Amino acid sequence: MVQDILIFEKDYSTNSKECPMPRSDQGVTSDRYTLIPRTAIFLRRRDSFLLLKGAKNKRLWANKYNGLGGHIERGEDALSAARRELFEETGLTAELWLCGTLIVDAGATGIGLYLFTGECLEGEPRSSLEGTAEWIEFAKVHELSVVEDLPVLLARIRSMKRGDPPFSARSYYDDNDKLVVVFGD
């Protein structure tokens, strides 16, 4: 795999006045989101999606269906993290593409979710400590116990084809504690 890496010719670490964008200029203030970066992967096989039924002992979403994925570790980019999570949770690999981003408003610290999809026409997933990955027909998703935003995200992803621009969305709970997902169309 070829990687493009940009390396600055000049060492700006000793003189921040010359630095084009020092850390102090990043604009991190308490009135702005602080986001934890995560990935979510929704592999397709014809009209089915590979979903993970959370293990019974999971702290979050035990016995609920969700996409695959997890935290982006320090030093990773979103795509590399998605590939790693997919392999760790299923033993599968696939050509993934970014289909959307979702900011989850979870209070002072939110979630910055990078959503990926791709085709996986062969191979069967293995289980992991996270749970059991299963191919689920899109029409049957509504019959399952799922993470709350899954149906609306899957519907949007299902309507996309490779090459479509990624969507941008945010989610939050309203005053009645009802989940709201807003797409930035």
N, C-alpha and C. Protein backbone atom coordinates (compact mmCIF):
# COMPACT_ATOMS: atom_id res chain seq x y z
N MET A 1 0.84 -1.17 0.00
CA MET A 1 0.00 0.00 0.00
C MET A 1 0.90 1.24 0.00
N VAL A 2 0.62 2.19 -0.89
CA VAL A 2 1.38 3.42 -0.98
C VAL A 2 0.76 4.44 -0.03
N GLN A 3 1.59 5.12 0.74
CA GLN A 3 1.11 6.15 1.65
C GLN A 3 1.73 7.47 1.27
N ASP A 4 0.91 8.52 1.20
CA ASP A 4 1.41 9.86 1.00
C ASP A 4 1.62 10.47 2.38
N ILE A 5 2.83 10.95 2.64
CA ILE A 5 3.14 11.55 3.92
C ILE A 5 3.75 12.92 3.66
N LEU A 6 3.19 13.94 4.27
CA LEU A 6 3.70 15.30 4.14
C LEU A 6 4.64 15.55 5.31
N ILE A 7 5.86 15.92 5.01
CA ILE A 7 6.85 16.22 6.04
C ILE A 7 7.31 17.65 5.80
N PHE A 8 7.22 18.48 6.84
CA PHE A 8 7.68 19.85 6.71
C PHE A 8 9.20 19.88 6.67
N GLU A 9 9.74 20.66 5.77
CA GLU A 9 11.19 20.78 5.63
C GLU A 9 11.81 21.47 6.83
N LYS A 10 11.10 22.42 7.44
CA LYS A 10 11.65 23.21 8.53
C LYS A 10 11.12 22.69 9.87
N ASP A 11 11.96 22.70 10.88
CA ASP A 11 11.56 22.30 12.23
C ASP A 11 11.01 23.54 12.93
N TYR A 12 9.68 23.57 13.15
CA TYR A 12 9.04 24.71 13.79
C TYR A 12 8.93 24.55 15.30
N SER A 13 9.42 23.47 15.84
CA SER A 13 9.22 23.18 17.26
C SER A 13 9.90 24.19 18.18
N THR A 14 10.95 24.86 17.74
CA THR A 14 11.68 25.78 18.63
C THR A 14 11.20 27.22 18.51
N ASN A 15 10.50 27.57 17.44
CA ASN A 15 10.05 28.95 17.26
C ASN A 15 8.61 28.96 16.77
N SER A 16 7.68 29.04 17.71
CA SER A 16 6.26 28.96 17.35
C SER A 16 5.79 30.17 16.56
N LYS A 17 6.52 31.30 16.60
CA LYS A 17 6.12 32.48 15.83
C LYS A 17 6.24 32.21 14.34
N GLU A 18 7.14 31.34 13.93
CA GLU A 18 7.30 31.00 12.53
C GLU A 18 6.39 29.87 12.08
N CYS A 19 5.86 29.14 13.02
CA CYS A 19 5.04 27.97 12.70
C CYS A 19 3.75 28.39 12.01
N PRO A 20 3.39 27.77 10.89
CA PRO A 20 2.19 28.16 10.16
C PRO A 20 0.90 27.92 10.96
N MET A 21 0.87 26.98 11.89
CA MET A 21 -0.34 26.71 12.69
C MET A 21 0.06 25.98 13.96
N PRO A 22 0.57 26.71 14.94
CA PRO A 22 0.98 26.03 16.18
C PRO A 22 -0.23 25.47 16.92
N ARG A 23 0.01 24.58 17.84
CA ARG A 23 -1.07 23.97 18.62
C ARG A 23 -1.95 25.02 19.29
N SER A 24 -1.36 26.11 19.74
CA SER A 24 -2.13 27.14 20.44
C SER A 24 -3.14 27.82 19.53
N ASP A 25 -2.98 27.73 18.22
CA ASP A 25 -3.91 28.35 17.27
C ASP A 25 -5.00 27.40 16.78
N GLN A 26 -5.12 26.24 17.37
CA GLN A 26 -6.11 25.27 16.91
C GLN A 26 -7.53 25.61 17.33
N GLY A 27 -7.71 26.59 18.21
CA GLY A 27 -9.05 27.05 18.57
C GLY A 27 -9.80 26.13 19.51
N VAL A 28 -9.10 25.38 20.32
CA VAL A 28 -9.76 24.48 21.27
C VAL A 28 -10.17 25.31 22.48
N THR A 29 -11.48 25.48 22.64
CA THR A 29 -12.03 26.22 23.78
C THR A 29 -13.21 25.45 24.33
N SER A 30 -13.59 25.78 25.55
CA SER A 30 -14.64 25.02 26.24
C SER A 30 -16.03 25.21 25.62
N ASP A 31 -16.23 26.23 24.79
CA ASP A 31 -17.54 26.43 24.17
C ASP A 31 -17.70 25.67 22.85
N ARG A 32 -16.69 24.90 22.47
CA ARG A 32 -16.74 24.12 21.24
C ARG A 32 -16.79 22.64 21.57
N TYR A 33 -17.23 21.85 20.60
CA TYR A 33 -17.25 20.40 20.77
C TYR A 33 -15.87 19.86 21.06
N THR A 34 -15.82 18.91 21.93
CA THR A 34 -14.68 18.03 22.05
C THR A 34 -15.21 16.69 21.58
N LEU A 35 -14.55 16.10 20.59
CA LEU A 35 -15.07 14.87 19.98
C LEU A 35 -14.12 13.70 20.18
N ILE A 36 -14.71 12.56 20.43
CA ILE A 36 -13.99 11.30 20.44
C ILE A 36 -14.19 10.68 19.07
N PRO A 37 -13.12 10.43 18.32
CA PRO A 37 -13.29 9.88 16.97
C PRO A 37 -13.54 8.37 16.99
N ARG A 38 -14.54 7.95 16.23
CA ARG A 38 -14.89 6.53 16.11
C ARG A 38 -15.23 6.21 14.66
N THR A 39 -15.25 4.91 14.37
CA THR A 39 -15.66 4.44 13.05
C THR A 39 -16.91 3.58 13.19
N ALA A 40 -17.68 3.52 12.14
CA ALA A 40 -18.79 2.57 12.01
C ALA A 40 -18.74 2.03 10.59
N ILE A 41 -18.81 0.71 10.47
CA ILE A 41 -18.68 0.06 9.17
C ILE A 41 -19.94 -0.72 8.88
N PHE A 42 -20.50 -0.51 7.69
CA PHE A 42 -21.71 -1.20 7.26
C PHE A 42 -21.42 -1.88 5.92
N LEU A 43 -20.89 -3.10 5.99
CA LEU A 43 -20.61 -3.86 4.77
C LEU A 43 -21.91 -4.34 4.14
N ARG A 44 -21.91 -4.37 2.82
CA ARG A 44 -23.08 -4.84 2.07
C ARG A 44 -22.76 -6.15 1.36
N ARG A 45 -23.79 -6.94 1.23
CA ARG A 45 -23.77 -8.14 0.38
C ARG A 45 -25.17 -8.20 -0.22
N ARG A 46 -25.25 -7.82 -1.49
CA ARG A 46 -26.53 -7.65 -2.16
C ARG A 46 -27.42 -6.73 -1.33
N ASP A 47 -28.57 -7.17 -0.82
CA ASP A 47 -29.43 -6.28 -0.03
C ASP A 47 -29.36 -6.60 1.46
N SER A 48 -28.22 -7.11 1.89
CA SER A 48 -27.99 -7.39 3.31
C SER A 48 -26.82 -6.55 3.81
N PHE A 49 -26.82 -6.31 5.09
CA PHE A 49 -25.73 -5.61 5.75
C PHE A 49 -25.14 -6.50 6.82
N LEU A 50 -23.83 -6.40 7.01
CA LEU A 50 -23.17 -7.13 8.08
C LEU A 50 -23.29 -6.30 9.35
N LEU A 51 -24.05 -6.82 10.31
CA LEU A 51 -24.27 -6.13 11.58
C LEU A 51 -23.72 -6.97 12.72
N LEU A 52 -23.36 -6.30 13.78
CA LEU A 52 -22.81 -6.97 14.95
C LEU A 52 -23.86 -7.01 16.05
N LYS A 53 -24.21 -8.22 16.49
CA LYS A 53 -25.07 -8.35 17.66
C LYS A 53 -24.15 -8.32 18.86
N GLY A 54 -24.27 -7.26 19.66
CA GLY A 54 -23.37 -7.04 20.78
C GLY A 54 -23.38 -8.20 21.76
N ALA A 55 -22.21 -8.53 22.27
CA ALA A 55 -22.09 -9.61 23.25
C ALA A 55 -22.93 -9.29 24.49
N LYS A 56 -23.36 -10.32 25.18
CA LYS A 56 -24.22 -10.16 26.36
C LYS A 56 -23.55 -9.35 27.46
N ASN A 57 -22.22 -9.40 27.53
CA ASN A 57 -21.50 -8.72 28.61
C ASN A 57 -20.99 -7.33 28.23
N LYS A 58 -21.36 -6.82 27.05
CA LYS A 58 -20.90 -5.50 26.63
C LYS A 58 -21.51 -4.42 27.52
N ARG A 59 -20.71 -3.40 27.83
CA ARG A 59 -21.21 -2.29 28.63
C ARG A 59 -22.27 -1.50 27.87
N LEU A 60 -22.04 -1.28 26.58
CA LEU A 60 -23.00 -0.56 25.74
C LEU A 60 -23.58 -1.49 24.69
N TRP A 61 -24.85 -1.42 24.46
CA TRP A 61 -25.56 -2.10 23.38
C TRP A 61 -25.46 -3.62 23.45
N ALA A 62 -25.46 -4.18 24.64
CA ALA A 62 -25.47 -5.64 24.80
C ALA A 62 -26.72 -6.20 24.12
N ASN A 63 -26.55 -7.26 23.33
CA ASN A 63 -27.64 -7.94 22.62
C ASN A 63 -28.36 -7.08 21.59
N LYS A 64 -27.81 -5.93 21.25
CA LYS A 64 -28.41 -5.07 20.22
C LYS A 64 -27.54 -5.11 18.98
N TYR A 65 -28.20 -4.96 17.84
CA TYR A 65 -27.48 -4.94 16.56
C TYR A 65 -27.01 -3.52 16.27
N ASN A 66 -25.79 -3.45 15.72
CA ASN A 66 -25.18 -2.18 15.35
C ASN A 66 -24.21 -2.48 14.21
N GLY A 67 -23.63 -1.43 13.67
CA GLY A 67 -22.56 -1.62 12.71
C GLY A 67 -21.32 -2.11 13.43
N LEU A 68 -20.33 -2.46 12.67
CA LEU A 68 -19.03 -2.83 13.22
C LEU A 68 -18.25 -1.54 13.46
N GLY A 69 -17.16 -1.62 14.19
CA GLY A 69 -16.32 -0.44 14.35
C GLY A 69 -15.93 -0.17 15.78
N GLY A 70 -15.38 1.02 15.99
CA GLY A 70 -14.93 1.39 17.31
C GLY A 70 -14.06 2.63 17.28
N HIS A 71 -13.27 2.79 18.32
CA HIS A 71 -12.45 3.99 18.48
C HIS A 71 -11.31 4.05 17.47
N ILE A 72 -11.00 5.26 17.07
CA ILE A 72 -9.81 5.52 16.28
C ILE A 72 -8.69 5.75 17.29
N GLU A 73 -7.68 4.92 17.22
CA GLU A 73 -6.58 4.99 18.18
C GLU A 73 -5.61 6.11 17.78
N ARG A 74 -4.92 6.66 18.77
CA ARG A 74 -3.93 7.70 18.51
C ARG A 74 -2.93 7.20 17.46
N GLY A 75 -2.68 8.03 16.46
CA GLY A 75 -1.75 7.68 15.39
C GLY A 75 -2.42 7.06 14.17
N GLU A 76 -3.73 6.74 14.27
CA GLU A 76 -4.45 6.16 13.13
C GLU A 76 -5.25 7.23 12.40
N ASP A 77 -5.47 7.02 11.13
CA ASP A 77 -6.47 7.80 10.40
C ASP A 77 -7.77 7.00 10.42
N ALA A 78 -8.86 7.62 10.01
CA ALA A 78 -10.17 6.97 10.10
C ALA A 78 -10.26 5.70 9.26
N LEU A 79 -9.75 5.72 8.03
CA LEU A 79 -9.84 4.55 7.16
C LEU A 79 -9.02 3.38 7.71
N SER A 80 -7.81 3.65 8.17
CA SER A 80 -6.99 2.58 8.75
C SER A 80 -7.66 1.98 9.98
N ALA A 81 -8.27 2.83 10.80
CA ALA A 81 -8.97 2.34 11.99
C ALA A 81 -10.16 1.48 11.59
N ALA A 82 -10.90 1.89 10.56
CA ALA A 82 -12.05 1.10 10.11
C ALA A 82 -11.60 -0.27 9.60
N ARG A 83 -10.54 -0.30 8.83
CA ARG A 83 -10.02 -1.58 8.34
C ARG A 83 -9.59 -2.48 9.50
N ARG A 84 -8.91 -1.89 10.49
CA ARG A 84 -8.46 -2.65 11.66
C ARG A 84 -9.65 -3.20 12.43
N GLU A 85 -10.63 -2.36 12.70
CA GLU A 85 -11.82 -2.78 13.46
C GLU A 85 -12.58 -3.89 12.72
N LEU A 86 -12.73 -3.74 11.41
CA LEU A 86 -13.42 -4.76 10.62
C LEU A 86 -12.72 -6.10 10.75
N PHE A 87 -11.41 -6.10 10.62
CA PHE A 87 -10.66 -7.36 10.72
C PHE A 87 -10.71 -7.93 12.14
N GLU A 88 -10.54 -7.07 13.15
CA GLU A 88 -10.56 -7.55 14.53
C GLU A 88 -11.91 -8.16 14.91
N GLU A 89 -13.00 -7.56 14.42
CA GLU A 89 -14.33 -8.00 14.83
C GLU A 89 -14.90 -9.13 13.98
N THR A 90 -14.35 -9.32 12.76
CA THR A 90 -14.94 -10.33 11.86
C THR A 90 -13.94 -11.22 11.16
N GLY A 91 -12.68 -10.82 11.09
CA GLY A 91 -11.70 -11.55 10.30
C GLY A 91 -11.80 -11.25 8.81
N LEU A 92 -12.67 -10.33 8.42
CA LEU A 92 -12.88 -9.99 7.00
C LEU A 92 -12.11 -8.73 6.62
N THR A 93 -11.86 -8.60 5.34
CA THR A 93 -11.33 -7.37 4.77
C THR A 93 -12.25 -6.97 3.62
N ALA A 94 -12.26 -5.69 3.31
CA ALA A 94 -13.08 -5.20 2.20
C ALA A 94 -12.53 -3.85 1.76
N GLU A 95 -12.86 -3.46 0.55
CA GLU A 95 -12.51 -2.15 0.03
C GLU A 95 -13.57 -1.17 0.57
N LEU A 96 -13.20 -0.41 1.59
CA LEU A 96 -14.13 0.50 2.25
C LEU A 96 -14.06 1.89 1.64
N TRP A 97 -15.19 2.62 1.71
CA TRP A 97 -15.20 4.02 1.31
C TRP A 97 -16.05 4.81 2.29
N LEU A 98 -15.63 6.05 2.52
CA LEU A 98 -16.33 6.93 3.45
C LEU A 98 -17.66 7.33 2.85
N CYS A 99 -18.74 6.99 3.55
CA CYS A 99 -20.07 7.34 3.04
C CYS A 99 -20.72 8.45 3.85
N GLY A 100 -20.17 8.77 5.03
CA GLY A 100 -20.75 9.86 5.80
C GLY A 100 -20.03 10.12 7.10
N THR A 101 -20.39 11.24 7.70
CA THR A 101 -19.91 11.58 9.03
C THR A 101 -21.12 11.94 9.89
N LEU A 102 -21.01 11.65 11.17
CA LEU A 102 -22.09 11.94 12.11
C LEU A 102 -21.48 12.48 13.39
N ILE A 103 -21.92 13.66 13.80
CA ILE A 103 -21.52 14.19 15.10
C ILE A 103 -22.64 13.83 16.07
N VAL A 104 -22.28 13.08 17.09
CA VAL A 104 -23.24 12.67 18.11
C VAL A 104 -23.08 13.62 19.29
N ASP A 105 -24.11 14.43 19.53
CA ASP A 105 -24.07 15.38 20.64
C ASP A 105 -24.36 14.61 21.91
N ALA A 106 -23.32 14.35 22.68
CA ALA A 106 -23.46 13.57 23.91
C ALA A 106 -23.10 14.43 25.12
N GLY A 107 -23.26 15.74 24.99
CA GLY A 107 -22.91 16.63 26.09
C GLY A 107 -21.60 17.35 25.81
N ALA A 108 -20.83 17.60 26.86
CA ALA A 108 -19.57 18.34 26.71
C ALA A 108 -18.60 17.63 25.77
N THR A 109 -18.59 16.31 25.80
CA THR A 109 -17.77 15.52 24.89
C THR A 109 -18.70 14.72 23.99
N GLY A 110 -18.55 14.89 22.70
CA GLY A 110 -19.37 14.17 21.74
C GLY A 110 -18.58 13.09 21.02
N ILE A 111 -19.22 12.52 20.04
CA ILE A 111 -18.60 11.48 19.22
C ILE A 111 -18.53 11.99 17.79
N GLY A 112 -17.37 11.89 17.18
CA GLY A 112 -17.21 12.18 15.76
C GLY A 112 -17.14 10.84 15.05
N LEU A 113 -18.22 10.46 14.39
CA LEU A 113 -18.33 9.13 13.80
C LEU A 113 -18.09 9.20 12.30
N TYR A 114 -17.11 8.42 11.84
CA TYR A 114 -16.81 8.26 10.42
C TYR A 114 -17.47 6.97 9.96
N LEU A 115 -18.41 7.09 9.03
CA LEU A 115 -19.17 5.93 8.57
C LEU A 115 -18.61 5.43 7.24
N PHE A 116 -18.36 4.13 7.18
CA PHE A 116 -17.80 3.50 5.98
C PHE A 116 -18.73 2.40 5.51
N THR A 117 -18.70 2.17 4.22
CA THR A 117 -19.40 1.03 3.63
C THR A 117 -18.50 0.41 2.58
N GLY A 118 -18.92 -0.70 2.06
CA GLY A 118 -18.18 -1.41 1.02
C GLY A 118 -18.89 -2.72 0.74
N GLU A 119 -18.51 -3.37 -0.35
CA GLU A 119 -19.08 -4.66 -0.72
C GLU A 119 -18.21 -5.79 -0.19
N CYS A 120 -18.85 -6.83 0.25
CA CYS A 120 -18.14 -8.04 0.68
C CYS A 120 -18.93 -9.21 0.13
N LEU A 121 -18.53 -9.71 -1.03
CA LEU A 121 -19.32 -10.72 -1.72
C LEU A 121 -18.95 -12.15 -1.34
N GLU A 122 -17.85 -12.34 -0.63
CA GLU A 122 -17.50 -13.70 -0.21
C GLU A 122 -16.85 -13.68 1.16
N GLY A 123 -16.81 -14.84 1.77
CA GLY A 123 -16.25 -14.97 3.11
C GLY A 123 -17.31 -14.81 4.17
N GLU A 124 -17.13 -15.52 5.24
CA GLU A 124 -18.08 -15.44 6.35
C GLU A 124 -17.36 -14.89 7.58
N PRO A 125 -18.05 -14.05 8.33
CA PRO A 125 -17.42 -13.46 9.51
C PRO A 125 -17.27 -14.46 10.64
N ARG A 126 -16.28 -14.22 11.47
CA ARG A 126 -16.13 -14.99 12.70
C ARG A 126 -16.60 -14.11 13.85
N SER A 127 -16.93 -14.73 14.95
CA SER A 127 -17.34 -13.98 16.14
C SER A 127 -16.10 -13.42 16.83
N SER A 128 -16.32 -12.45 17.69
CA SER A 128 -15.23 -11.86 18.48
C SER A 128 -15.77 -11.57 19.87
N LEU A 129 -14.92 -11.03 20.72
CA LEU A 129 -15.35 -10.65 22.06
C LEU A 129 -16.42 -9.56 22.02
N GLU A 130 -16.46 -8.80 20.92
CA GLU A 130 -17.45 -7.73 20.77
C GLU A 130 -18.85 -8.27 20.52
N GLY A 131 -18.94 -9.46 19.91
CA GLY A 131 -20.25 -10.03 19.61
C GLY A 131 -20.19 -10.91 18.37
N THR A 132 -21.37 -11.14 17.80
CA THR A 132 -21.51 -12.00 16.64
C THR A 132 -21.93 -11.18 15.43
N ALA A 133 -21.13 -11.23 14.37
CA ALA A 133 -21.47 -10.53 13.13
C ALA A 133 -22.38 -11.42 12.29
N GLU A 134 -23.46 -10.83 11.78
CA GLU A 134 -24.45 -11.58 10.99
C GLU A 134 -24.87 -10.75 9.78
N TRP A 135 -25.09 -11.44 8.67
CA TRP A 135 -25.66 -10.80 7.49
C TRP A 135 -27.17 -10.69 7.71
N ILE A 136 -27.68 -9.45 7.68
CA ILE A 136 -29.10 -9.19 7.93
C ILE A 136 -29.69 -8.49 6.71
N GLU A 137 -30.78 -9.06 6.18
CA GLU A 137 -31.47 -8.40 5.07
C GLU A 137 -32.01 -7.06 5.55
N PHE A 138 -31.87 -6.04 4.71
CA PHE A 138 -32.31 -4.70 5.08
C PHE A 138 -33.78 -4.70 5.50
N ALA A 139 -34.63 -5.43 4.80
CA ALA A 139 -36.07 -5.46 5.10
C ALA A 139 -36.38 -6.04 6.48
N LYS A 140 -35.43 -6.76 7.09
CA LYS A 140 -35.67 -7.39 8.39
C LYS A 140 -35.06 -6.62 9.56
N VAL A 141 -34.38 -5.53 9.28
CA VAL A 141 -33.73 -4.77 10.35
C VAL A 141 -34.75 -4.28 11.38
N HIS A 142 -35.92 -3.86 10.91
CA HIS A 142 -36.94 -3.33 11.82
C HIS A 142 -37.49 -4.38 12.79
N GLU A 143 -37.23 -5.66 12.53
CA GLU A 143 -37.71 -6.74 13.40
C GLU A 143 -36.74 -7.03 14.56
N LEU A 144 -35.57 -6.41 14.54
CA LEU A 144 -34.51 -6.72 15.50
C LEU A 144 -34.40 -5.64 16.57
N SER A 145 -33.75 -6.00 17.66
CA SER A 145 -33.38 -5.03 18.68
C SER A 145 -32.08 -4.37 18.21
N VAL A 146 -32.19 -3.09 17.85
CA VAL A 146 -31.06 -2.39 17.24
C VAL A 146 -30.72 -1.13 18.03
N VAL A 147 -29.50 -0.64 17.81
CA VAL A 147 -29.11 0.66 18.33
C VAL A 147 -30.02 1.69 17.66
N GLU A 148 -30.42 2.68 18.41
CA GLU A 148 -31.52 3.57 18.02
C GLU A 148 -31.35 4.27 16.67
N ASP A 149 -30.15 4.69 16.31
CA ASP A 149 -29.99 5.42 15.05
C ASP A 149 -29.72 4.52 13.85
N LEU A 150 -29.60 3.22 14.09
CA LEU A 150 -29.23 2.29 13.01
C LEU A 150 -30.20 2.32 11.82
N PRO A 151 -31.52 2.23 12.02
CA PRO A 151 -32.41 2.20 10.84
C PRO A 151 -32.29 3.41 9.92
N VAL A 152 -32.19 4.60 10.48
CA VAL A 152 -32.11 5.80 9.64
C VAL A 152 -30.76 5.87 8.93
N LEU A 153 -29.68 5.47 9.59
CA LEU A 153 -28.37 5.47 8.94
C LEU A 153 -28.29 4.42 7.84
N LEU A 154 -28.80 3.22 8.12
CA LEU A 154 -28.78 2.17 7.08
C LEU A 154 -29.61 2.57 5.86
N ALA A 155 -30.75 3.19 6.09
CA ALA A 155 -31.59 3.62 4.96
C ALA A 155 -30.83 4.62 4.08
N ARG A 156 -30.12 5.54 4.71
CA ARG A 156 -29.35 6.52 3.95
C ARG A 156 -28.21 5.85 3.20
N ILE A 157 -27.48 4.97 3.88
CA ILE A 157 -26.34 4.29 3.25
C ILE A 157 -26.81 3.37 2.13
N ARG A 158 -27.93 2.71 2.33
CA ARG A 158 -28.47 1.80 1.31
C ARG A 158 -28.77 2.54 0.00
N SER A 159 -29.16 3.81 0.10
CA SER A 159 -29.51 4.58 -1.09
C SER A 159 -28.29 5.11 -1.84
N MET A 160 -27.11 4.92 -1.26
CA MET A 160 -25.89 5.46 -1.87
C MET A 160 -25.19 4.44 -2.76
N LYS A 161 -24.41 4.98 -3.70
CA LYS A 161 -23.54 4.12 -4.51
C LYS A 161 -22.14 4.70 -4.44
N ARG A 162 -21.17 3.84 -4.69
CA ARG A 162 -19.76 4.27 -4.65
C ARG A 162 -19.57 5.48 -5.55
N GLY A 163 -18.89 6.47 -5.06
CA GLY A 163 -18.67 7.70 -5.81
C GLY A 163 -19.59 8.83 -5.38
N ASP A 164 -20.69 8.51 -4.68
CA ASP A 164 -21.55 9.56 -4.14
C ASP A 164 -20.77 10.33 -3.07
N PRO A 165 -21.02 11.63 -2.95
CA PRO A 165 -20.33 12.36 -1.89
C PRO A 165 -20.83 11.89 -0.52
N PRO A 166 -19.97 11.89 0.48
CA PRO A 166 -20.40 11.46 1.81
C PRO A 166 -21.42 12.44 2.39
N PHE A 167 -22.36 11.93 3.15
CA PHE A 167 -23.33 12.79 3.82
C PHE A 167 -22.71 13.32 5.11
N SER A 168 -23.32 14.35 5.63
CA SER A 168 -22.91 14.94 6.90
C SER A 168 -24.16 15.03 7.77
N ALA A 169 -24.06 14.56 9.01
CA ALA A 169 -25.24 14.54 9.88
C ALA A 169 -24.83 14.80 11.32
N ARG A 170 -25.81 15.07 12.13
CA ARG A 170 -25.60 15.17 13.58
C ARG A 170 -26.81 14.55 14.26
N SER A 171 -26.60 14.09 15.47
CA SER A 171 -27.72 13.52 16.24
C SER A 171 -27.68 14.07 17.65
N TYR A 172 -28.88 14.15 18.24
CA TYR A 172 -29.02 14.65 19.61
C TYR A 172 -30.37 14.17 20.14
N TYR A 173 -30.57 14.32 21.42
CA TYR A 173 -31.85 14.00 22.04
C TYR A 173 -32.60 15.29 22.31
N ASP A 174 -33.89 15.34 21.92
CA ASP A 174 -34.69 16.54 22.13
C ASP A 174 -35.17 16.61 23.59
N ASP A 175 -36.00 17.60 23.87
CA ASP A 175 -36.49 17.81 25.24
C ASP A 175 -37.35 16.66 25.76
N ASN A 176 -37.88 15.85 24.85
CA ASN A 176 -38.69 14.68 25.24
C ASN A 176 -37.86 13.40 25.24
N ASP A 177 -36.54 13.54 25.20
CA ASP A 177 -35.59 12.43 25.20
C ASP A 177 -35.77 11.52 23.99
N LYS A 178 -36.18 12.13 22.86
CA LYS A 178 -36.32 11.39 21.60
C LYS A 178 -35.11 11.70 20.72
N LEU A 179 -34.55 10.64 20.14
CA LEU A 179 -33.39 10.81 19.26
C LEU A 179 -33.78 11.54 17.98
N VAL A 180 -32.98 12.53 17.60
CA VAL A 180 -33.17 13.28 16.37
C VAL A 180 -31.88 13.15 15.57
N VAL A 181 -32.01 12.75 14.30
CA VAL A 181 -30.87 12.71 13.39
C VAL A 181 -31.16 13.70 12.28
N VAL A 182 -30.26 14.65 12.09
CA VAL A 182 -30.43 15.71 11.09
C VAL A 182 -29.32 15.57 10.07
N PHE A 183 -29.72 15.43 8.80
CA PHE A 183 -28.75 15.37 7.70
C PHE A 183 -28.53 16.75 7.14
N GLY A 184 -27.29 17.10 6.88
CA GLY A 184 -26.95 18.42 6.37
C GLY A 184 -27.03 18.50 4.86
N ASP A 185 -28.20 18.24 4.31
CA ASP A 185 -28.37 18.24 2.85
C ASP A 185 -28.36 19.64 2.37
